[in-house]
């Protein structure tokens, strides 16, 4: 058989072979995750769900391994291939990742589906039934893999345990990146691996070898996950809600919330996300978990290696993340406290929180508590919800929307535009103003993230940040204009902008628009928002351009 490297073969064929082989690797990894999930369903004696995972794994593996084997001799990917592999890989991963949802809904008999509804629940239908709609199943998968957290599962406790686990697992893996996972295990060292890694919007390297880098990332991530599970288990057991749960149920909730909290995904296994617990202790424990997920992994590595927490302050992204967390909590608290007369129902019925109710009054203390948790959940792009945000005044919704648009640091698990781009744009504007007052012959340099850059470097950095940000905001604006015409009159533009920012920022907070009853056009648009937001637009545009014109210049 002729090698795909042969010069006489058409360029499009070698391009396609490279892309198909590496997307096949992603699907092979996903098939392995599905196979492992069979064990979880079996432990809980969910045999129909286990069968759904077996069928999903076999089908996904057949496609993935066949593609890998058929194009095994394809050349290593270059940057243009890497971007298309990232875009098409995330898309195909979400498509095949929807199979466990869809097949479970089809295979589980109606009487068994009804048995998943918890005793004493105020609803009669299991949310598993919604996944018999392929669009809903695809939405759930895309939301999981991209770490978005918006869900079609109205009542998460009514899902089978195997499906609860799959939702958490795909967010946990997707938070670090399914491409990073595949590179760390399967890819060959060299520029091909780096092309994939960088195309997924991750440019920081811990080690000279990209494979060593991503393996180190996973070691850190695993260690943090274990610590988060232990901390959450203790907090749940000490809470009023969790003290009545069996030990295994408290552990199950701790495992799932630690996985989706650290990965800044936000899927929950409780009915009203974190609001179910109504526990200041659990919220307090989750704050550092969410924040850790929003800090770049190279910084975690440096801090752990050198045992110097001052590195959190010296890194410009982390420093600004901490500043924005503090300033945003204050601003949102003031906004919500000022608007209490109009939104008092959103802040009633709270327990004492660190004694603030004795000083400020229970409603004001609750407003401060909710503002703290929701701001950090939004800026870290986690999406855990502890308050009925729909009842907030528009000012509060717009502030949180801004946090979801910006997001945390590059090199972490978050979505959004990223703090580093906001920083580069602000420095670029300052640099442009400085040039106005200097002679034309002056050599103008500046410092950017601790390094000296010349004029050409600054223009390149500024242009990249400005272009991505502009495209991101244009998609956000266009999507909000579409959605405002699809929702009912009970939702204002602030609600619409909030929901689109949540989808595109891969956050998961909601004002109630997202759900199985939403307009199919809006649901399809959110799929695009989540996909675009996860890959930061450019790879998706390269993918679209390649479909129309090929990969030739």
Protein backbone atom coordinates (compact mmCIF):
# COMPACT_ATOMS: atom_id res chain seq x y z
CA UNK A 1 0.00 0.00 0.00
CA UNK A 2 1.37 3.43 -0.90
CA UNK A 3 2.28 5.71 1.95
CA UNK A 4 0.16 8.80 2.46
CA UNK A 5 3.42 10.74 2.44
CA UNK A 6 3.96 9.99 -1.25
CA UNK A 7 4.37 13.20 -3.22
CA UNK A 8 2.05 12.14 -6.05
CA UNK A 9 -0.99 11.95 -3.75
CA UNK A 10 -3.35 14.95 -3.81
CA UNK A 11 -2.77 17.47 -1.02
CA UNK A 12 -6.39 17.27 0.07
CA UNK A 13 -6.04 13.53 0.65
CA UNK A 14 -3.06 13.83 2.97
CA UNK A 15 -4.76 16.72 4.80
CA UNK A 16 -7.91 14.67 5.26
CA UNK A 17 -5.89 11.65 6.39
CA UNK A 18 -4.08 13.64 9.06
CA UNK A 19 -7.32 15.11 10.39
CA UNK A 20 -9.28 11.83 10.24
CA UNK A 21 -6.54 9.88 12.02
CA UNK A 22 -6.29 12.28 14.94
CA UNK A 23 -10.05 12.77 15.30
CA UNK A 24 -10.21 8.97 15.33
CA UNK A 25 -7.80 9.01 18.27
CA UNK A 26 -10.15 11.31 20.16
CA UNK A 27 -13.08 9.00 19.52
CA UNK A 28 -11.01 5.99 20.62
CA UNK A 29 -10.31 7.73 23.92
CA UNK A 30 -13.99 8.57 24.31
CA UNK A 31 -14.91 4.94 23.67
CA UNK A 32 -12.58 3.92 26.49
CA UNK A 33 -14.33 6.35 28.85
CA UNK A 34 -17.70 4.89 27.83
CA UNK A 35 -16.43 1.37 28.49
CA UNK A 36 -15.23 2.38 31.95
CA UNK A 37 -18.65 3.91 32.67
CA UNK A 38 -20.27 0.51 32.12
CA UNK A 39 -18.82 -0.47 35.51
CA UNK A 40 -20.53 2.46 37.24
CA UNK A 41 -23.92 1.54 35.78
CA UNK A 42 -23.33 -2.10 36.73
CA UNK A 43 -22.46 -1.20 40.34
CA UNK A 44 -25.87 0.47 40.65
CA UNK A 45 -27.55 -2.44 38.82
CA UNK A 46 -28.68 -0.18 35.98
CA UNK A 47 -28.46 -2.90 33.36
CA UNK A 48 -30.23 -1.06 30.56
CA UNK A 49 -27.98 1.96 31.07
CA UNK A 50 -24.95 -0.38 31.12
CA UNK A 51 -26.12 -1.81 27.79
CA UNK A 52 -26.42 1.73 26.41
CA UNK A 53 -22.80 2.40 27.39
CA UNK A 54 -21.65 -0.88 25.84
CA UNK A 55 -23.36 -0.09 22.53
CA UNK A 56 -22.10 3.50 22.58
CA UNK A 57 -18.55 2.33 23.29
CA UNK A 58 -18.58 -0.29 20.55
CA UNK A 59 -19.94 2.13 17.94
CA UNK A 60 -17.57 4.94 18.93
CA UNK A 61 -14.57 2.62 19.04
CA UNK A 62 -15.45 1.15 15.65
CA UNK A 63 -15.45 4.57 14.03
CA UNK A 64 -12.44 5.90 15.95
CA UNK A 65 -10.15 2.89 15.64
CA UNK A 66 -11.07 2.32 11.99
CA UNK A 67 -10.17 5.91 11.18
CA UNK A 68 -6.93 5.66 13.15
CA UNK A 69 -5.91 2.42 11.45
CA UNK A 70 -6.90 3.48 7.93
CA UNK A 71 -4.81 6.65 8.06
CA UNK A 72 -1.98 5.48 10.35
CA UNK A 73 0.71 6.65 7.92
CA UNK A 74 -0.63 10.21 7.62
CA UNK A 75 1.85 13.04 8.29
CA UNK A 76 2.00 14.80 11.64
CA UNK A 77 -0.40 17.76 11.91
CA UNK A 78 0.73 21.30 11.26
CA UNK A 79 -0.97 24.32 12.79
CA UNK A 80 -3.70 24.49 10.13
CA UNK A 81 -4.45 20.81 10.72
CA UNK A 82 -4.37 21.30 14.49
CA UNK A 83 -7.07 23.93 14.37
CA UNK A 84 -9.35 21.79 12.24
CA UNK A 85 -8.68 18.73 14.41
CA UNK A 86 -9.56 20.79 17.50
CA UNK A 87 -12.80 22.10 15.97
CA UNK A 88 -13.95 18.86 14.33
CA UNK A 89 -12.66 16.79 17.25
CA UNK A 90 -14.74 18.64 19.82
CA UNK A 91 -17.74 18.46 17.50
CA UNK A 92 -17.45 14.72 16.88
CA UNK A 93 -16.69 14.03 20.53
CA UNK A 94 -19.93 15.78 21.47
CA UNK A 95 -21.86 13.92 18.75
CA UNK A 96 -20.69 10.48 19.89
CA UNK A 97 -20.85 11.55 23.54
CA UNK A 98 -24.60 12.00 23.11
CA UNK A 99 -25.08 8.27 22.45
CA UNK A 100 -25.22 7.18 26.14
CA UNK A 101 -27.92 9.80 26.79
CA UNK A 102 -29.94 8.92 23.71
CA UNK A 103 -29.62 5.13 23.92
CA UNK A 104 -30.38 5.07 27.65
CA UNK A 105 -33.59 7.00 27.02
CA UNK A 106 -34.54 4.52 24.29
CA UNK A 107 -33.52 1.28 26.00
CA UNK A 108 -34.73 1.80 29.58
CA UNK A 109 -38.39 0.64 29.89
CA UNK A 110 -40.92 3.29 30.99
CA UNK A 111 -41.58 1.61 34.35
CA UNK A 112 -37.86 1.60 35.12
CA UNK A 113 -37.55 5.23 34.02
CA UNK A 114 -40.34 6.11 36.46
CA UNK A 115 -38.48 4.36 39.27
CA UNK A 116 -35.61 6.84 38.98
CA UNK A 117 -37.81 9.65 40.35
CA UNK A 118 -36.90 10.04 44.06
CA UNK A 119 -39.57 9.19 46.60
CA UNK A 120 -41.57 12.22 47.66
CA UNK A 121 -40.43 14.32 44.67
CA UNK A 122 -42.78 17.06 43.49
CA UNK A 123 -42.46 15.87 39.89
CA UNK A 124 -43.51 12.59 38.28
CA UNK A 125 -41.29 12.31 35.19
CA UNK A 126 -37.61 11.39 35.11
CA UNK A 127 -35.39 13.77 33.17
CA UNK A 128 -33.99 10.76 31.32
CA UNK A 129 -37.09 10.89 29.09
CA UNK A 130 -35.95 14.21 27.59
CA UNK A 131 -32.90 12.56 26.05
CA UNK A 132 -35.06 10.53 23.68
CA UNK A 133 -34.92 13.74 21.64
CA UNK A 134 -31.55 13.56 19.78
CA UNK A 135 -31.16 17.34 19.91
CA UNK A 136 -31.49 17.33 23.71
CA UNK A 137 -28.98 14.47 23.98
CA UNK A 138 -26.52 16.32 21.71
CA UNK A 139 -27.02 19.52 23.74
CA UNK A 140 -26.24 17.71 27.01
CA UNK A 141 -23.12 16.16 25.54
CA UNK A 142 -21.85 19.41 24.04
CA UNK A 143 -22.54 21.23 27.30
CA UNK A 144 -20.62 18.57 29.19
CA UNK A 145 -17.57 18.29 26.96
CA UNK A 146 -17.22 22.06 26.63
CA UNK A 147 -17.66 22.56 30.40
CA UNK A 148 -20.70 24.76 29.85
CA UNK A 149 -23.08 23.25 32.40
CA UNK A 150 -26.38 24.32 30.85
CA UNK A 151 -28.64 21.30 30.94
CA UNK A 152 -31.73 19.65 29.53
CA UNK A 153 -32.03 17.57 32.71
CA UNK A 154 -34.58 19.60 34.65
CA UNK A 155 -34.36 17.32 37.69
CA UNK A 156 -30.89 15.79 37.94
CA UNK A 157 -31.66 13.42 40.87
CA UNK A 158 -34.14 11.60 38.59
CA UNK A 159 -31.35 10.53 36.23
CA UNK A 160 -29.80 7.05 36.49
CA UNK A 161 -26.50 7.03 38.39
CA UNK A 162 -24.66 5.94 35.27
CA UNK A 163 -25.89 9.00 33.39
CA UNK A 164 -25.11 11.28 36.36
CA UNK A 165 -21.60 9.87 36.30
CA UNK A 166 -21.24 10.35 32.52
CA UNK A 167 -22.26 14.00 32.83
CA UNK A 168 -19.63 14.59 35.51
CA UNK A 169 -16.94 12.55 33.77
CA UNK A 170 -17.17 14.36 30.44
CA UNK A 171 -16.94 17.71 32.23
CA UNK A 172 -13.98 16.52 34.27
CA UNK A 173 -12.11 15.30 31.19
CA UNK A 174 -13.34 18.15 29.00
CA UNK A 175 -12.18 20.71 31.56
CA UNK A 176 -8.55 19.85 30.97
CA UNK A 177 -9.23 19.01 27.35
CA UNK A 178 -9.95 15.79 25.57
CA UNK A 179 -7.20 16.70 23.11
CA UNK A 180 -4.73 17.14 25.97
CA UNK A 181 -5.79 13.75 27.36
CA UNK A 182 -5.20 12.05 24.04
CA UNK A 183 -1.85 13.77 23.46
CA UNK A 184 -0.67 12.75 26.95
CA UNK A 185 -1.29 9.06 26.27
CA UNK A 186 -1.23 8.39 22.53
CA UNK A 187 0.55 11.16 20.65
CA UNK A 188 4.13 11.05 19.50
CA UNK A 189 6.48 13.73 20.85
CA UNK A 190 7.19 16.57 18.48
CA UNK A 191 5.61 19.51 16.72
CA UNK A 192 2.46 17.58 15.88
CA UNK A 193 1.56 17.27 19.54
CA UNK A 194 2.21 20.96 20.12
CA UNK A 195 0.03 21.92 17.15
CA UNK A 196 -2.90 20.09 18.75
CA UNK A 197 -2.19 21.51 22.19
CA UNK A 198 -1.86 25.10 20.99
CA UNK A 199 -4.91 24.91 18.71
CA UNK A 200 -7.01 24.22 21.77
CA UNK A 201 -5.97 27.70 23.05
CA UNK A 202 -3.28 26.45 25.44
CA UNK A 203 0.21 27.82 24.83
CA UNK A 204 1.86 27.57 28.27
CA UNK A 205 4.30 24.70 28.59
CA UNK A 206 5.53 23.31 31.93
CA UNK A 207 8.23 21.12 30.35
CA UNK A 208 10.03 21.35 26.99
CA UNK A 209 8.10 18.23 25.94
CA UNK A 210 4.42 18.85 25.39
CA UNK A 211 3.63 15.24 26.31
CA UNK A 212 5.40 15.67 29.67
CA UNK A 213 3.55 18.94 30.15
CA UNK A 214 0.08 17.49 29.78
CA UNK A 215 0.93 14.48 31.92
CA UNK A 216 2.00 16.84 34.68
CA UNK A 217 -1.23 18.78 34.25
CA UNK A 218 -3.20 15.58 34.77
CA UNK A 219 -1.21 14.64 37.88
CA UNK A 220 -1.98 18.04 39.43
CA UNK A 221 -5.61 17.79 38.39
CA UNK A 222 -5.99 14.32 39.91
CA UNK A 223 -4.42 15.41 43.20
CA UNK A 224 -6.69 18.45 43.44
CA UNK A 225 -9.72 16.30 42.63
CA UNK A 226 -9.02 13.90 45.49
CA UNK A 227 -8.54 16.76 47.95
CA UNK A 228 -11.73 18.44 46.72
CA UNK A 229 -13.73 15.22 47.15
CA UNK A 230 -12.55 14.81 50.75
CA UNK A 231 -13.27 18.46 51.64
CA UNK A 232 -16.72 18.36 50.05
CA UNK A 233 -17.62 15.07 51.72
CA UNK A 234 -16.88 16.51 55.16
CA UNK A 235 -18.79 19.72 54.35
CA UNK A 236 -21.83 17.80 53.06
CA UNK A 237 -21.91 15.58 56.14
CA UNK A 238 -21.73 18.62 58.41
CA UNK A 239 -24.52 20.45 56.58
CA UNK A 240 -28.14 20.16 57.63
CA UNK A 241 -29.11 18.64 54.29
CA UNK A 242 -26.22 16.20 54.10
CA UNK A 243 -26.42 14.97 57.69
CA UNK A 244 -29.60 13.04 56.80
CA UNK A 245 -28.04 11.37 53.74
CA UNK A 246 -26.54 7.87 53.77
CA UNK A 247 -22.73 7.93 53.71
CA UNK A 248 -22.59 6.56 50.18
CA UNK A 249 -24.99 9.24 48.90
CA UNK A 250 -22.96 12.02 50.53
CA UNK A 251 -19.85 10.51 48.95
CA UNK A 252 -21.54 10.29 45.55
CA UNK A 253 -22.51 13.95 45.66
CA UNK A 254 -19.02 14.93 46.83
CA UNK A 255 -17.37 13.02 43.99
CA UNK A 256 -19.59 14.49 41.29
CA UNK A 257 -19.49 18.07 42.57
CA UNK A 258 -15.73 17.94 43.07
CA UNK A 259 -15.24 16.74 39.49
CA UNK A 260 -17.50 19.38 37.95
CA UNK A 261 -16.38 22.13 40.35
CA UNK A 262 -12.63 21.75 39.79
CA UNK A 263 -13.14 21.42 36.04
CA UNK A 264 -15.29 24.60 36.21
CA UNK A 265 -18.09 22.72 34.48
CA UNK A 266 -21.00 23.12 36.87
CA UNK A 267 -23.14 20.04 36.25
CA UNK A 268 -24.86 18.98 39.47
CA UNK A 269 -26.54 15.85 40.80
CA UNK A 270 -28.93 17.81 43.03
CA UNK A 271 -32.18 19.45 41.99
CA UNK A 272 -31.27 23.12 42.33
CA UNK A 273 -27.51 22.92 41.98
CA UNK A 274 -25.74 24.13 45.15
CA UNK A 275 -28.89 25.95 46.34
CA UNK A 276 -30.23 22.51 47.36
CA UNK A 277 -27.90 22.43 50.34
CA UNK A 278 -28.58 26.00 51.53
CA UNK A 279 -25.25 25.60 53.33
CA UNK A 280 -22.72 28.40 53.80
CA UNK A 281 -20.12 25.76 54.68
CA UNK A 282 -20.49 23.91 51.36
CA UNK A 283 -20.40 27.19 49.45
CA UNK A 284 -17.30 28.23 51.40
CA UNK A 285 -15.54 24.95 50.54
CA UNK A 286 -16.44 25.28 46.86
CA UNK A 287 -14.98 28.79 46.53
CA UNK A 288 -11.31 27.66 46.53
CA UNK A 289 -12.19 24.60 44.43
CA UNK A 290 -13.66 26.80 41.69
CA UNK A 291 -10.80 29.30 41.97
CA UNK A 292 -8.15 26.58 41.63
CA UNK A 293 -9.75 25.49 38.36
CA UNK A 294 -9.54 29.05 37.03
CA UNK A 295 -5.77 29.42 37.62
CA UNK A 296 -3.36 28.37 34.87
CA UNK A 297 -1.82 24.94 35.42
CA UNK A 298 1.77 26.13 34.83
CA UNK A 299 1.29 28.42 37.85
CA UNK A 300 0.01 25.52 39.96
CA UNK A 301 3.05 23.51 38.93
CA UNK A 302 5.46 26.33 39.76
CA UNK A 303 3.85 26.91 43.16
CA UNK A 304 3.92 23.20 44.03
CA UNK A 305 7.47 22.78 42.76
CA UNK A 306 8.95 25.83 44.47
CA UNK A 307 6.52 25.86 47.42
CA UNK A 308 6.17 29.60 46.94
CA UNK A 309 2.60 30.94 47.06
CA UNK A 310 3.94 34.39 46.19
CA UNK A 311 3.94 33.17 42.58
CA UNK A 312 0.18 33.60 42.61
CA UNK A 313 0.77 37.31 43.11
CA UNK A 314 3.67 37.70 40.70
CA UNK A 315 1.84 36.10 37.77
CA UNK A 316 -0.14 38.86 36.06
CA UNK A 317 -3.12 36.68 35.17
CA UNK A 318 -3.50 35.19 38.63
CA UNK A 319 -3.01 38.57 40.28
CA UNK A 320 -5.76 40.12 38.19
CA UNK A 321 -8.00 37.12 38.74
CA UNK A 322 -7.76 37.60 42.50
CA UNK A 323 -8.26 41.36 42.17
CA UNK A 324 -11.34 40.90 40.00
CA UNK A 325 -12.75 38.30 42.37
CA UNK A 326 -12.46 40.72 45.29
CA UNK A 327 -13.67 43.84 43.44
CA UNK A 328 -16.48 41.96 41.71
CA UNK A 329 -17.80 40.50 44.96
CA UNK A 330 -17.95 43.99 46.45
CA UNK A 331 -19.62 45.51 43.37
CA UNK A 332 -22.21 42.75 43.01
CA UNK A 333 -22.96 42.79 46.73
CA UNK A 334 -23.57 46.54 46.64
CA UNK A 335 -25.75 46.18 43.52
CA UNK A 336 -27.85 43.42 45.05
CA UNK A 337 -28.15 45.10 48.44
CA UNK A 338 -29.26 48.36 46.81
CA UNK A 339 -31.84 46.47 44.74
CA UNK A 340 -33.23 44.47 47.68
CA UNK A 341 -36.59 46.33 47.78
CA UNK A 342 -37.26 45.19 44.20
CA UNK A 343 -35.92 41.65 44.59
CA UNK A 344 -36.50 40.84 48.23
CA UNK A 345 -37.96 37.44 47.43
CA UNK A 346 -34.61 36.33 46.02
CA UNK A 347 -32.89 36.86 49.36
CA UNK A 348 -35.39 35.59 51.90
CA UNK A 349 -35.23 32.55 54.11
CA UNK A 350 -31.48 32.37 54.62
CA UNK A 351 -29.67 31.03 57.62
CA UNK A 352 -27.10 33.04 59.54
CA UNK A 353 -23.88 33.40 57.57
CA UNK A 354 -20.71 34.03 59.55
CA UNK A 355 -22.74 36.22 61.91
CA UNK A 356 -23.44 38.84 59.26
CA UNK A 357 -27.19 38.59 59.77
CA UNK A 358 -26.79 40.00 63.29
CA UNK A 359 -24.92 43.00 61.91
CA UNK A 360 -26.56 43.65 58.56
CA UNK A 361 -29.89 41.88 58.87
CA UNK A 362 -30.70 38.49 57.35
CA UNK A 363 -31.78 39.75 53.92
CA UNK A 364 -28.69 41.93 53.44
CA UNK A 365 -26.43 39.12 54.68
CA UNK A 366 -28.05 36.74 52.23
CA UNK A 367 -27.55 39.20 49.37
CA UNK A 368 -23.84 39.43 50.24
CA UNK A 369 -23.54 35.65 50.54
CA UNK A 370 -25.27 34.97 47.21
CA UNK A 371 -23.29 37.72 45.49
CA UNK A 372 -20.00 36.25 46.72
CA UNK A 373 -20.74 32.74 45.53
CA UNK A 374 -22.35 33.71 42.22
CA UNK A 375 -19.62 36.17 41.24
CA UNK A 376 -16.86 33.63 41.85
CA UNK A 377 -18.90 30.94 40.10
CA UNK A 378 -19.32 33.26 37.09
CA UNK A 379 -15.76 34.62 36.80
CA UNK A 380 -14.30 31.13 37.15
CA UNK A 381 -16.85 29.92 34.57
CA UNK A 382 -17.99 27.14 36.89
CA UNK A 383 -21.75 27.69 36.78
CA UNK A 384 -22.76 26.35 40.18
CA UNK A 385 -25.89 28.23 41.21
CA UNK A 386 -26.91 29.07 44.77
CA UNK A 387 -29.48 31.80 44.13
CA UNK A 388 -32.56 32.42 41.93
CA UNK A 389 -30.74 34.79 39.56
CA UNK A 390 -33.85 35.37 37.48
CA UNK A 391 -35.32 37.34 40.40
CA UNK A 392 -32.30 39.66 40.56
CA UNK A 393 -32.44 43.18 39.19
CA UNK A 394 -31.04 43.71 35.71
CA UNK A 395 -27.95 45.43 37.11
CA UNK A 396 -26.90 42.27 38.93
CA UNK A 397 -27.50 40.12 35.85
CA UNK A 398 -25.41 42.44 33.68
CA UNK A 399 -22.52 42.44 36.16
CA UNK A 400 -22.49 38.65 36.24
CA UNK A 401 -22.77 38.58 32.43
CA UNK A 402 -19.60 40.67 32.25
CA UNK A 403 -17.79 38.18 34.49
CA UNK A 404 -18.90 35.28 32.28
CA UNK A 405 -17.73 37.08 29.14
CA UNK A 406 -14.27 37.75 30.58
CA UNK A 407 -13.65 34.43 32.36
CA UNK A 408 -10.51 33.35 34.20
CA UNK A 409 -6.93 32.73 33.12
CA UNK A 410 -5.59 31.20 29.92
CA UNK A 411 -4.05 27.79 30.51
CA UNK A 412 -6.80 26.81 32.98
CA UNK A 413 -10.12 24.99 32.56
CA UNK A 414 -12.25 28.13 32.05
CA UNK A 415 -14.05 29.60 29.06
CA UNK A 416 -14.64 33.25 28.23
CA UNK A 417 -12.32 35.72 26.51
CA UNK A 418 -9.67 35.21 29.24
CA UNK A 419 -8.04 37.74 31.54
CA UNK A 420 -4.79 37.79 29.57
CA UNK A 421 -6.57 39.18 26.51
CA UNK A 422 -8.22 41.90 28.54
CA UNK A 423 -4.83 42.74 30.01
CA UNK A 424 -3.11 42.81 26.61
CA UNK A 425 -5.82 45.04 25.14
CA UNK A 426 -5.58 47.50 28.04
CA UNK A 427 -1.77 47.59 27.76
CA UNK A 428 -2.04 47.98 24.00
CA UNK A 429 -4.35 50.98 24.35
CA UNK A 430 -1.92 52.58 26.80
CA UNK A 431 0.94 51.86 24.41
CA UNK A 432 -0.91 53.48 21.51
CA UNK A 433 -1.53 56.62 23.57
CA UNK A 434 2.14 56.82 24.52
CA UNK A 435 3.16 56.71 20.85
CA UNK A 436 1.00 59.76 20.09
CA UNK A 437 3.18 61.99 22.28
CA UNK A 438 6.56 60.68 21.08
CA UNK A 439 8.56 61.57 17.97
CA UNK A 440 8.02 59.39 14.93
CA UNK A 441 11.62 58.18 15.15
CA UNK A 442 11.28 57.07 18.79
CA UNK A 443 11.72 53.37 19.56
CA UNK A 444 8.69 52.48 21.65
CA UNK A 445 8.75 49.32 23.71
CA UNK A 446 6.76 48.19 26.67
CA UNK A 447 6.58 45.47 29.30
CA UNK A 448 3.96 42.78 28.87
CA UNK A 449 3.43 40.12 31.51
CA UNK A 450 6.91 40.66 32.91
CA UNK A 451 8.78 40.63 29.59
CA UNK A 452 10.06 43.41 27.37
CA UNK A 453 8.41 43.51 23.93
CA UNK A 454 9.27 45.64 20.92
CA UNK A 455 6.87 47.40 18.58
CA UNK A 456 6.34 44.44 16.25
CA UNK A 457 5.71 42.04 19.12
CA UNK A 458 3.29 44.43 20.81
CA UNK A 459 1.35 44.98 17.59
CA UNK A 460 1.09 41.22 17.05
CA UNK A 461 -0.04 40.52 20.63
CA UNK A 462 -2.51 43.42 20.60
CA UNK A 463 -3.94 42.45 17.21
CA UNK A 464 -4.49 38.83 18.22
CA UNK A 465 -6.21 39.76 21.46
CA UNK A 466 -8.34 42.46 19.81
CA UNK A 467 -9.41 40.23 16.90
CA UNK A 468 -10.47 37.30 19.09
CA UNK A 469 -12.26 39.63 21.51
CA UNK A 470 -14.07 41.46 18.73
CA UNK A 471 -15.20 38.24 17.06
CA UNK A 472 -16.28 36.85 20.44
CA UNK A 473 -18.40 39.93 21.17
CA UNK A 474 -19.90 39.97 17.68
CA UNK A 475 -21.08 36.38 18.05
CA UNK A 476 -22.42 37.23 21.50
CA UNK A 477 -24.36 40.24 20.21
CA UNK A 478 -25.76 38.41 17.17
CA UNK A 479 -26.84 35.44 19.29
CA UNK A 480 -28.58 37.64 21.84
CA UNK A 481 -30.52 39.38 19.07
CA UNK A 482 -31.67 36.00 17.77
CA UNK A 483 -32.63 34.71 21.21
CA UNK A 484 -34.56 37.81 22.27
CA UNK A 485 -36.99 37.07 19.44
CA UNK A 486 -37.42 33.43 20.46
CA UNK A 487 -38.16 33.70 24.18
CA UNK A 488 -41.43 34.73 25.75
CA UNK A 489 -42.29 38.22 27.01
CA UNK A 490 -41.47 37.21 30.59
CA UNK A 491 -37.75 37.42 29.77
CA UNK A 492 -36.07 40.77 29.22
CA UNK A 493 -32.90 41.53 27.25
CA UNK A 494 -30.79 41.29 30.41
CA UNK A 495 -32.01 37.69 30.83
CA UNK A 496 -31.25 36.92 27.19
CA UNK A 497 -27.76 38.43 27.28
CA UNK A 498 -27.08 36.57 30.52
CA UNK A 499 -28.08 33.21 28.99
CA UNK A 500 -26.03 33.71 25.82
CA UNK A 501 -22.99 34.86 27.82
CA UNK A 502 -23.36 31.75 29.97
CA UNK A 503 -23.47 29.43 26.94
CA UNK A 504 -20.66 31.08 25.01
CA UNK A 505 -18.53 31.56 28.13
CA UNK A 506 -18.98 27.85 28.95
CA UNK A 507 -20.38 28.74 32.37
CA UNK A 508 -23.83 27.22 32.97
CA UNK A 509 -25.61 29.80 35.12
CA UNK A 510 -29.17 30.31 33.93
CA UNK A 511 -32.12 32.64 34.32
CA UNK A 512 -34.44 29.80 33.32
CA UNK A 513 -34.40 30.12 29.53
CA UNK A 514 -32.47 26.92 28.91
CA UNK A 515 -34.52 23.73 29.16
CA UNK A 516 -36.24 21.04 27.13
CA UNK A 517 -39.11 23.39 26.28
CA UNK A 518 -36.89 26.05 24.70
CA UNK A 519 -37.21 26.83 20.99
CA UNK A 520 -35.23 24.34 18.84
CA UNK A 521 -33.56 27.21 16.97
CA UNK A 522 -32.37 28.66 20.28
CA UNK A 523 -31.13 25.25 21.39
CA UNK A 524 -29.20 24.77 18.14
CA UNK A 525 -27.76 28.27 18.47
CA UNK A 526 -26.56 27.48 22.00
CA UNK A 527 -24.80 24.41 20.63
CA UNK A 528 -22.87 26.74 18.32
CA UNK A 529 -22.20 29.19 21.16
CA UNK A 530 -20.78 26.47 23.41
CA UNK A 531 -18.62 25.03 20.62
CA UNK A 532 -17.32 28.43 19.54
CA UNK A 533 -16.73 29.54 23.12
CA UNK A 534 -14.72 26.44 24.01
CA UNK A 535 -12.38 26.86 21.02
CA UNK A 536 -12.26 30.68 21.04
CA UNK A 537 -13.68 31.10 17.51
CA UNK A 538 -10.56 31.01 15.31
CA UNK A 539 -10.35 27.19 14.97
CA UNK A 540 -14.07 27.10 14.19
CA UNK A 541 -13.61 29.73 11.47
CA UNK A 542 -10.65 27.81 10.03
CA UNK A 543 -12.80 24.66 10.08
CA UNK A 544 -15.65 26.45 8.25
CA UNK A 545 -13.24 27.93 5.71
CA UNK A 546 -11.70 24.50 5.04
CA UNK A 547 -15.15 23.05 4.32
CA UNK A 548 -15.76 25.74 1.72
CA UNK A 549 -12.33 26.17 0.12
CA UNK A 550 -10.07 23.40 1.39
CA UNK A 551 -6.78 23.88 3.21
CA UNK A 552 -4.79 25.42 0.39
CA UNK A 553 -3.75 29.09 0.88
